[in-house]
Amino acid sequence: MKVHELKTIPPYFDAIQFADKRFELRKNDRDFEQGDLLILKEYYPEKDSYSGDELVVRIQYILEAFTGLEQGYCILSISDPI
């Protein structure tokens, strides 16, 4: 099991925090695996800064090489915040 730290902008961070969003679309440049943990750090790109808020979720399923999904990208099904 690996731990990945990822920037997450406020609209998506909030949707994960309040259980409206249970997936992440990401470039698979980190060799994600089922069971890995994601530390999602709330990030403000316009300020190039972090809020200090974090959510920890677990990867439950990985969808790759699917019609319509750009090569090198994946959709990660994620758990509720731990």
Protein backbone atom coordinates (compact mmCIF):
# COMPACT_ATOMS: atom_id res chain seq x y z
CA MET A 1 0.00 0.00 0.00
CA LYS A 2 1.28 3.43 -0.97
CA VAL A 3 0.27 6.90 0.17
CA HIS A 4 -0.16 9.62 -2.46
CA GLU A 5 -0.46 13.34 -1.67
CA LEU A 6 -2.60 15.18 -4.23
CA LYS A 7 -3.71 18.78 -4.73
CA THR A 8 -7.49 19.16 -4.80
CA ILE A 9 -9.22 22.46 -5.60
CA PRO A 10 -12.07 23.68 -3.35
CA PRO A 11 -15.17 22.69 -5.36
CA TYR A 12 -13.97 19.09 -5.61
CA PHE A 13 -12.51 19.02 -2.10
CA ASP A 14 -15.87 20.15 -0.69
CA ALA A 15 -17.80 17.60 -2.77
CA ILE A 16 -15.63 14.78 -1.40
CA GLN A 17 -15.84 16.11 2.16
CA PHE A 18 -19.65 16.25 2.04
CA ALA A 19 -20.07 12.82 0.34
CA ASP A 20 -21.27 14.16 -3.02
CA LYS A 21 -18.24 12.90 -4.98
CA ARG A 22 -16.68 9.46 -4.63
CA PHE A 23 -14.28 9.39 -7.58
CA GLU A 24 -11.15 11.10 -8.86
CA LEU A 25 -10.12 11.50 -12.49
CA ARG A 26 -6.33 11.59 -12.51
CA LYS A 27 -3.34 11.11 -14.74
CA ASN A 28 -1.96 7.73 -13.72
CA ASP A 29 1.63 8.88 -13.34
CA ARG A 30 1.91 7.52 -9.80
CA ASP A 31 1.16 3.84 -10.39
CA PHE A 32 -2.05 3.95 -8.33
CA GLU A 33 -3.21 0.61 -6.93
CA GLN A 34 -6.38 -0.58 -5.24
CA GLY A 35 -6.01 -0.12 -1.48
CA ASP A 36 -3.62 2.85 -1.72
CA LEU A 37 -4.38 5.92 0.38
CA LEU A 38 -4.83 9.39 -1.06
CA ILE A 39 -4.16 12.45 1.05
CA LEU A 40 -6.20 15.13 -0.69
CA LYS A 41 -4.89 18.59 0.19
CA GLU A 42 -7.15 21.57 -0.43
CA TYR A 43 -5.28 23.82 -2.87
CA TYR A 44 -5.98 27.31 -4.24
CA PRO A 45 -4.27 27.56 -7.65
CA GLU A 46 -4.89 31.30 -8.01
CA LYS A 47 -2.89 31.87 -4.79
CA ASP A 48 -0.55 28.89 -5.28
CA SER A 49 -1.24 27.94 -1.67
CA TYR A 50 -2.83 25.26 0.48
CA SER A 51 -5.59 25.87 3.02
CA GLY A 52 -4.18 23.33 5.47
CA ASP A 53 -7.27 21.13 5.18
CA GLU A 54 -6.77 17.50 4.18
CA LEU A 55 -8.92 14.44 3.56
CA VAL A 56 -7.67 10.86 3.57
CA VAL A 57 -9.47 8.35 1.34
CA ARG A 58 -8.73 4.83 0.11
CA ILE A 59 -8.75 3.74 -3.55
CA GLN A 60 -11.46 1.10 -3.93
CA TYR A 61 -11.39 0.53 -7.70
CA ILE A 62 -9.42 1.79 -10.70
CA LEU A 63 -10.92 2.18 -14.17
CA GLU A 64 -8.31 2.34 -16.94
CA ALA A 65 -8.10 1.77 -20.70
CA PHE A 66 -11.83 2.40 -21.13
CA THR A 67 -13.45 3.78 -24.28
CA GLY A 68 -13.55 7.57 -24.03
CA LEU A 69 -10.93 7.75 -21.28
CA GLU A 70 -7.74 9.42 -22.50
CA GLN A 71 -4.71 7.14 -22.53
CA GLY A 72 -2.63 7.48 -19.36
CA TYR A 73 -5.60 8.63 -17.25
CA CYS A 74 -7.72 6.68 -14.78
CA ILE A 75 -10.85 7.06 -12.71
CA LEU A 76 -10.36 6.16 -9.07
CA SER A 77 -13.34 5.05 -7.03
CA ILE A 78 -12.65 6.34 -3.50
CA SER A 79 -13.98 5.65 -0.02
CA ASP A 80 -15.60 8.10 2.33
CA PRO A 81 -12.93 10.15 4.13
CA ILE A 82 -11.22 8.08 6.79
